[in-house]
Protein backbone atom coordinates (compact mmCIF):
# COMPACT_ATOMS: atom_id res chain seq x y z
CA MET A 1 21.89 8.47 35.73
CA LYS A 2 24.25 9.49 33.39
CA ALA A 3 23.94 12.43 30.99
CA GLN A 4 24.21 12.27 27.03
CA THR A 5 27.61 13.67 26.23
CA ASP A 6 27.83 16.50 22.81
CA THR A 7 28.98 12.50 20.96
CA GLU A 8 25.93 10.68 22.34
CA LYS A 9 23.68 13.06 21.49
CA ARG A 10 25.23 13.77 17.64
CA VAL A 11 24.93 9.69 17.33
CA LYS A 12 21.23 9.62 18.09
CA ILE A 13 20.39 12.65 16.40
CA ARG A 14 22.44 10.93 13.25
CA ALA A 15 21.13 7.40 13.80
CA ASP A 16 17.31 8.61 14.46
CA SER A 17 18.16 10.59 10.51
CA GLU A 18 18.75 7.87 9.39
CA GLU A 19 15.96 5.51 10.25
CA LEU A 20 13.86 8.58 9.23
CA ARG A 21 16.10 8.60 5.52
CA LYS A 22 14.84 4.67 5.80
CA ILE A 23 11.52 4.69 6.18
CA LYS A 24 10.72 7.42 3.91
CA GLU A 25 13.23 5.63 1.01
CA MET A 26 10.37 2.96 1.89
CA TYR A 27 7.30 5.01 0.49
CA SER A 28 6.48 7.09 -2.18
CA ASP A 29 3.48 9.13 -3.86
CA ILE A 30 2.48 9.00 -7.42
CA ALA A 31 1.47 12.31 -8.55
CA ILE A 32 -2.02 11.83 -10.65
CA THR A 33 -3.25 14.76 -12.43
CA TYR A 34 -7.36 14.53 -13.36
CA PRO A 35 -9.97 17.36 -14.63
CA GLY A 36 -11.16 19.04 -10.79
CA THR A 37 -14.37 18.17 -11.55
CA LEU A 38 -13.66 14.45 -11.83
CA ALA A 39 -14.30 13.83 -8.26
CA HIS A 40 -17.84 15.74 -8.45
CA SER A 41 -19.15 14.33 -10.85
CA LEU A 42 -18.33 10.49 -9.31
CA ASN A 43 -19.73 12.37 -6.19
CA MET A 44 -16.84 11.56 -4.54
CA THR A 45 -14.72 14.25 -2.18
CA ILE A 46 -11.63 14.98 -3.08
CA SER A 47 -9.88 12.70 -0.16
CA GLU A 48 -13.06 9.52 -0.81
CA PHE A 49 -11.82 9.59 -5.34
CA GLU A 50 -7.74 9.50 -4.16
CA ARG A 51 -8.51 6.65 -1.35
CA GLU A 52 -10.41 4.79 -4.26
CA ILE A 53 -7.95 5.32 -6.98
CA LYS A 54 -4.61 3.91 -4.13
CA ILE A 55 -7.91 1.19 -3.61
CA LEU A 56 -8.70 0.61 -7.54
CA SER A 57 -4.71 0.37 -8.44
CA LEU A 58 -4.15 -2.39 -5.89
CA ILE A 59 -6.69 -4.37 -6.50
CA LYS A 60 -5.88 -4.08 -10.66
CA LEU A 61 -2.02 -5.30 -9.43
CA TYR A 62 -3.28 -7.92 -7.15
CA GLU A 63 -5.16 -9.55 -9.96
CA LEU A 64 -2.71 -8.94 -12.56
CA GLY A 65 -0.60 -11.18 -10.02
CA LYS A 66 2.12 -8.61 -9.03
CA ILE A 67 1.50 -8.09 -5.46
CA SER A 68 0.25 -10.11 -2.86
CA SER A 69 -3.17 -9.92 -0.93
CA GLY A 70 -1.67 -9.16 2.19
CA LYS A 71 0.92 -6.73 0.69
CA ALA A 72 -2.28 -4.70 -0.80
CA ALA A 73 -3.81 -4.49 2.15
CA GLU A 74 -0.78 -3.70 3.64
CA VAL A 75 -0.42 0.01 2.56
CA LEU A 76 -4.44 0.10 2.10
CA ASP A 77 -3.39 -0.42 6.15
CA ILE A 78 -6.23 -2.89 6.20
CA SER A 79 -6.41 -6.77 6.86
CA ARG A 80 -5.64 -9.21 4.67
CA ILE A 81 -9.61 -10.44 5.32
CA ALA A 82 -10.47 -6.84 4.55
CA PHE A 83 -8.79 -6.48 1.66
CA LEU A 84 -10.15 -10.04 0.27
CA GLU A 85 -14.13 -8.16 1.18
CA VAL A 86 -12.65 -5.75 -0.54
CA LEU A 87 -12.06 -7.41 -3.83
CA ALA A 88 -15.65 -9.11 -3.22
CA ALA A 89 -17.00 -5.69 -2.85
CA TYR A 90 -15.40 -4.79 -6.98
CA GLN A 91 -16.61 -8.41 -7.90
CA VAL A 92 -12.68 -9.72 -7.80
CA SER A 93 -12.55 -13.26 -6.95
CA CYS A 94 -9.62 -13.84 -4.96
CA PHE A 95 -9.50 -17.43 -6.30
CA PRO A 96 -6.47 -17.87 -9.23
CA ASP A 97 -7.23 -19.89 -12.12
CA SER A 98 -6.01 -22.98 -12.03
CA ALA A 99 -2.88 -22.40 -14.07
CA GLU A 100 -1.69 -19.84 -11.51
CA LEU A 101 -2.45 -21.85 -9.10
CA GLU A 102 -1.14 -25.34 -9.63
CA SER A 103 2.42 -23.52 -10.32
CA ASP A 104 1.94 -22.08 -6.65
CA LEU A 105 1.54 -25.49 -5.57
CA ALA A 106 4.47 -27.37 -7.54
CA ARG A 107 6.60 -23.71 -6.31
CA ALA A 108 5.65 -24.56 -2.70
């Protein structure tokens, strides 16, 4: 097996760095300032509270028609079916209203 030259190693490192940069660009963090007692008052740990905020924000984006159930599921790292179950748990309909449904059918 042929050993890599220094140039080949540098090219590979550069390619790996470029791939990492692209992955980092795909994801961002959002900082929310809240009282430290809020999670405790809801009987949640900090990590449970942060997860809840993430879920609720994605539910609202879905409810407003800003994102699909598939995209919300992807962000939460769950299946689409699991996200639909989350919607049911929060009493959010996964069925669009009739005007939205007609619009979707017209575009299909």
